[in-house]
Protein backbone atom coordinates (compact mmCIF):
# COMPACT_ATOMS: atom_id res chain seq x y z
CA MET A 1 155.46 74.43 67.23
CA LYS A 2 151.77 75.25 67.55
CA HIS A 3 150.48 77.73 64.99
CA PHE A 4 147.13 79.45 65.65
CA SER A 5 144.75 81.36 63.40
CA LEU A 6 145.62 85.01 62.89
CA SER A 7 142.08 86.20 63.54
CA LYS A 8 141.84 85.01 67.15
CA ALA A 9 140.45 87.59 69.56
CA VAL A 10 142.41 88.71 72.58
CA PHE A 11 140.48 86.55 75.02
CA MET A 12 141.40 83.53 72.93
CA ALA A 13 145.03 84.60 72.95
CA ALA A 14 144.94 84.69 76.72
CA SER A 15 143.27 81.30 77.07
CA LEU A 16 145.68 79.66 74.62
CA ALA A 17 148.67 80.85 76.62
CA LEU A 18 147.14 79.48 79.78
CA LEU A 19 146.28 76.21 78.04
CA GLY A 20 149.83 75.84 76.77
CA LEU A 21 151.21 76.17 80.28
CA THR A 22 148.72 73.77 81.81
CA VAL A 23 149.31 71.03 79.24
CA ALA A 24 153.06 71.48 79.48
CA ASN A 25 153.00 71.00 83.25
CA ALA A 26 150.99 67.82 82.84
CA GLN A 27 153.55 66.43 80.38
CA GLU A 28 156.55 67.79 82.34
CA LYS A 29 157.87 69.51 79.23
CA PHE A 30 157.11 72.71 77.38
CA SER A 31 156.08 73.06 73.75
CA PRO A 32 156.77 76.66 72.61
CA VAL A 33 153.72 78.67 71.57
CA ILE A 34 153.28 82.18 70.20
CA VAL A 35 149.99 83.98 69.52
CA ILE A 36 149.65 87.43 67.95
CA HIS A 37 146.85 89.90 67.26
CA GLY A 38 146.50 92.87 64.97
CA GLY A 39 143.75 94.73 66.79
CA THR A 40 139.98 94.60 66.99
CA SER A 41 139.74 95.80 63.39
CA GLY A 42 139.73 92.20 62.17
CA LEU A 43 136.11 92.01 63.25
CA ASP A 44 134.93 94.28 60.43
CA LEU A 45 137.61 94.19 57.72
CA THR A 46 136.65 93.43 54.15
CA LYS A 47 138.38 90.47 52.50
CA GLU A 48 140.68 92.86 50.65
CA GLU A 49 141.60 94.74 53.80
CA PHE A 50 142.23 91.53 55.70
CA LYS A 51 144.48 90.25 52.91
CA ILE A 52 146.67 93.35 53.18
CA ARG A 53 147.20 92.62 56.88
CA GLU A 54 147.40 88.86 56.62
CA GLU A 55 150.89 88.74 55.08
CA PRO A 56 152.63 90.97 57.63
CA MET A 57 150.90 89.05 60.42
CA LYS A 58 152.25 85.81 59.02
CA LYS A 59 155.68 87.41 58.82
CA ALA A 60 155.43 88.55 62.43
CA LEU A 61 154.28 85.14 63.60
CA LEU A 62 157.17 83.45 61.80
CA ALA A 63 159.65 85.93 63.31
CA GLY A 64 158.48 85.02 66.78
CA GLN A 65 158.40 81.31 66.01
CA ALA A 66 161.96 81.43 64.67
CA VAL A 67 163.17 82.73 68.02
CA LEU A 68 161.36 79.99 69.94
CA GLU A 69 162.48 77.22 67.58
CA LYS A 70 166.10 78.18 68.24
CA GLY A 71 165.50 77.89 71.97
CA GLY A 72 165.11 81.63 72.47
CA SER A 73 163.13 83.27 75.24
CA ALA A 74 159.46 84.21 75.18
CA MET A 75 160.56 87.82 75.73
CA ASP A 76 162.70 87.81 72.58
CA ALA A 77 159.92 86.09 70.63
CA VAL A 78 157.22 88.66 71.42
CA THR A 79 159.69 91.50 70.79
CA ALA A 80 160.57 90.12 67.35
CA ALA A 81 156.92 89.68 66.39
CA ILE A 82 155.89 93.15 67.54
CA MET A 83 158.74 94.83 65.65
CA VAL A 84 157.56 93.36 62.35
CA LEU A 85 154.08 94.81 62.89
CA GLU A 86 155.43 98.17 64.07
CA ASP A 87 157.32 98.47 60.78
CA ASP A 88 154.19 97.86 58.70
CA PRO A 89 152.04 100.95 57.93
CA ASN A 90 148.83 98.91 57.93
CA PHE A 91 148.80 98.55 61.71
CA ASN A 92 148.19 101.19 64.35
CA ALA A 93 151.61 100.80 65.92
CA GLY A 94 154.94 102.34 64.99
CA LYS A 95 154.95 103.30 61.30
CA GLY A 96 151.17 103.19 60.92
CA ALA A 97 150.22 105.05 64.12
CA VAL A 98 147.06 107.15 64.11
CA PHE A 99 147.02 110.92 64.67
CA THR A 100 146.11 112.86 67.79
CA SER A 101 143.63 115.73 67.54
CA ASP A 102 146.59 118.11 67.18
CA GLY A 103 148.13 116.14 64.34
CA PHE A 104 150.88 114.28 66.21
CA ASN A 105 151.71 110.58 66.32
CA GLU A 106 152.16 109.48 69.94
CA LEU A 107 153.08 105.88 70.56
CA ASP A 108 152.56 103.55 73.53
CA ALA A 109 154.05 100.11 74.12
CA SER A 110 154.67 97.67 76.96
CA ILE A 111 156.25 94.32 77.65
CA MET A 112 156.23 91.94 80.64
CA ASP A 113 158.31 88.91 81.64
CA GLY A 114 156.17 86.27 83.31
CA SER A 115 159.13 84.60 85.00
CA THR A 116 160.41 87.66 86.88
CA LYS A 117 157.29 89.90 86.89
CA LYS A 118 159.54 92.63 85.51
CA ALA A 119 157.91 94.96 83.01
CA GLY A 120 158.60 98.09 81.01
CA ALA A 121 156.55 100.58 79.04
CA VAL A 122 156.71 103.84 77.13
CA ALA A 123 153.87 106.25 76.45
CA MET A 124 153.46 109.36 74.29
CA ALA A 125 156.75 108.64 72.50
CA ARG A 126 157.12 110.63 69.28
CA HIS A 127 160.47 109.62 67.86
CA ILE A 128 161.21 105.98 68.76
CA LYS A 129 161.02 103.95 65.54
CA ASN A 130 160.13 100.76 67.43
CA PRO A 131 158.36 101.64 70.68
CA ILE A 132 158.48 98.02 71.88
CA LEU A 133 162.27 98.37 72.09
CA GLY A 134 161.74 101.49 74.19
CA ALA A 135 159.51 99.51 76.53
CA ARG A 136 162.09 96.78 76.87
CA LEU A 137 164.76 99.39 77.49
CA VAL A 138 162.76 100.76 80.41
CA MET A 139 162.53 97.25 81.84
CA ASP A 140 166.16 96.30 81.30
CA LYS A 141 168.00 99.56 81.97
CA THR A 142 165.96 101.44 84.57
CA TRP A 143 164.23 100.71 87.86
CA HIS A 144 161.02 102.28 86.53
CA THR A 145 158.09 100.60 84.79
CA LEU A 146 156.62 103.41 82.66
CA VAL A 147 158.39 106.39 81.09
CA ALA A 148 156.43 108.89 78.98
CA GLY A 149 156.79 111.74 76.51
CA GLU A 150 160.11 113.50 76.10
CA GLY A 151 161.60 111.31 78.82
CA ALA A 152 160.89 108.17 76.80
CA ASP A 153 162.43 109.64 73.65
CA LYS A 154 165.48 110.89 75.57
CA LEU A 155 166.05 107.50 77.20
CA ALA A 156 165.80 105.74 73.84
CA LYS A 157 168.20 108.15 72.12
CA GLU A 158 170.77 107.95 74.93
CA ASN A 159 170.75 104.17 74.67
CA GLY A 160 171.20 103.98 70.91
CA LEU A 161 167.71 103.05 69.74
CA GLU A 162 166.81 104.13 66.20
CA MET A 163 165.09 107.51 66.30
CA VAL A 164 162.97 109.04 63.54
CA ASP A 165 161.29 112.32 62.69
CA GLN A 166 157.51 112.59 63.09
CA LYS A 167 157.10 112.49 59.30
CA TYR A 168 158.23 108.85 59.38
CA PHE A 169 154.89 107.93 60.96
CA PHE A 170 152.77 109.81 58.40
CA THR A 171 150.36 107.71 56.33
CA GLN A 172 147.72 109.35 54.16
CA PHE A 173 144.85 107.09 55.16
CA ARG A 174 145.51 107.76 58.87
CA TYR A 175 145.60 111.49 58.18
CA ASP A 176 142.35 111.25 56.21
CA ALA A 177 140.80 109.34 59.11
CA LEU A 178 141.69 112.23 61.41
CA GLN A 179 139.99 114.73 59.12
CA LYS A 180 136.86 112.57 58.98
CA ALA A 181 136.82 112.26 62.75
CA LYS A 182 137.10 116.02 63.14
CA GLU A 183 134.25 116.54 60.66
CA LYS A 184 132.01 114.20 62.60
CA GLN A 185 132.73 116.16 65.76
CA LYS A 186 131.62 119.34 63.99
CA LEU A 187 128.42 117.66 62.82
CA LEU A 188 127.58 116.73 66.39
CA LEU A 189 127.38 120.42 67.22
CA ASP A 190 124.62 120.86 64.62
CA SER A 191 121.74 118.64 65.71
CA GLU A 192 119.86 119.04 62.41
CA LYS A 193 122.85 117.91 60.31
CA ALA A 194 123.52 115.09 62.72
CA LYS A 195 119.99 113.77 62.28
CA LYS A 196 120.49 113.58 58.51
CA THR A 197 123.94 112.02 58.64
CA SER A 198 125.04 108.56 59.64
CA LEU A 199 127.50 109.20 62.47
CA ASN A 200 129.43 106.08 63.28
CA LEU A 201 131.65 107.87 65.79
CA HIS A 202 133.62 104.74 66.54
CA GLU A 203 134.43 103.90 62.93
CA ARG A 204 137.82 102.19 63.22
CA PRO A 205 139.14 104.48 65.94
CA TYR A 206 141.87 102.03 66.93
CA LEU A 207 142.49 100.07 63.73
CA GLY A 208 145.40 97.77 64.28
CA THR A 209 146.84 97.84 67.79
CA VAL A 210 149.26 94.89 67.86
CA GLY A 211 150.13 92.36 70.51
CA ALA A 212 151.91 89.09 71.12
CA ILE A 213 152.13 86.48 73.87
CA ALA A 214 154.49 83.53 74.00
CA LEU A 215 155.48 80.46 75.99
CA ASP A 216 159.08 79.28 75.57
CA LYS A 217 160.70 75.87 76.08
CA ASN A 218 161.60 76.75 79.67
CA GLY A 219 157.98 77.40 80.58
CA ASN A 220 158.32 81.17 80.70
CA LEU A 221 155.50 83.42 79.52
CA ALA A 222 155.81 86.92 78.05
CA ALA A 223 153.39 89.49 76.70
CA ALA A 224 153.81 92.67 74.67
CA THR A 225 151.53 95.33 73.17
CA SER A 226 152.13 98.35 70.92
CA THR A 227 149.76 101.03 69.63
CA GLY A 228 149.28 104.54 68.36
CA GLY A 229 146.08 104.86 70.39
CA MET A 230 142.81 106.19 69.02
CA THR A 231 142.29 108.48 66.04
CA ASN A 232 141.62 112.07 67.14
CA LYS A 233 142.59 111.34 70.74
CA MET A 234 143.65 114.28 72.88
CA THR A 235 147.36 114.99 72.62
CA GLY A 236 148.86 113.44 75.74
CA ARG A 237 146.18 110.78 76.13
CA ILE A 238 147.45 107.43 77.37
CA GLY A 239 145.37 104.28 76.93
CA ASP A 240 145.61 100.81 78.41
CA SER A 241 148.38 99.47 76.14
CA PRO A 242 151.34 100.77 78.20
CA ILE A 243 149.64 100.06 81.52
CA ILE A 244 150.85 96.84 83.14
CA GLY A 245 147.90 94.90 84.51
CA SER A 246 145.51 96.60 82.11
CA GLY A 247 146.71 96.28 78.51
CA THR A 248 149.56 93.84 79.09
CA TYR A 249 150.25 91.21 81.73
CA ALA A 250 152.28 88.02 82.10
CA ASP A 251 152.75 85.65 85.02
CA ASN A 252 154.22 82.15 84.77
CA ASP A 253 151.77 80.98 87.43
CA SER A 254 148.69 82.06 85.53
CA VAL A 255 148.44 83.71 82.11
CA ALA A 256 149.85 86.04 79.47
CA VAL A 257 147.57 88.70 77.99
CA SER A 258 147.78 91.43 75.36
CA CYS A 259 144.64 93.53 75.01
CA THR A 260 143.14 95.60 72.21
CA GLY A 261 140.08 97.82 72.16
CA THR A 262 138.99 101.04 73.85
CA GLY A 263 141.68 101.51 76.47
CA ASP A 264 139.82 104.13 78.46
CA ILE A 265 137.25 101.47 79.32
CA TYR A 266 139.81 98.69 79.88
CA MET A 267 141.57 100.74 82.56
CA ARG A 268 138.33 101.20 84.50
CA VAL A 269 137.51 97.53 84.78
């Protein structure tokens, strides 16, 4: 089982998945691989902040590896890894989701099977404890690809997924980040104050989107992504994470990718 550094960027995750498939074809056998990411925030975390996220990332990686080592599918492996990170408040997915400008937590997630090209996604979900399970539900139980808002929550509830109240997603440091973001917006309206204040408007706006890609023993690729979006985003905003072909993609003939960053730009290019 190949085990890669936790701090790899998304482009490295994509290239590793492609490399794993190419080498496997040359040897006529497949060595399972899983790669995960915890968002672009790793680029500017302090050592202390990284340490807090390192343990859950190891736990997530091991969860995915355990599935592959038992001969499980790439789909099950990426699902298992993502769920671990969604349950950890230090990542911007599930439990640790950021707040919209109106004070809500709206979650997006997607998953894709490289062997069948089937995919599923949810967006603007407010009550699904593990949005990645909602995404997989869309893929497995409907003929749609993306279900959003109340429809996503209703589908999840009707199919027995664990549902939670909005307060489950509350974390103080995410709430504080929202207040800071709102204050910076106010300062922008006063040019004199703005000149005297350091306005890093993109200070950790998407801290901790999570993703995973995997190659199983049968040569099948899978990719999955989960996020709460960007701090202070408009209520109802949907980024790249639940968009197949933008934030998530998997194809056995080419590559598996899970993206992280400013989704509004990703979707344009």
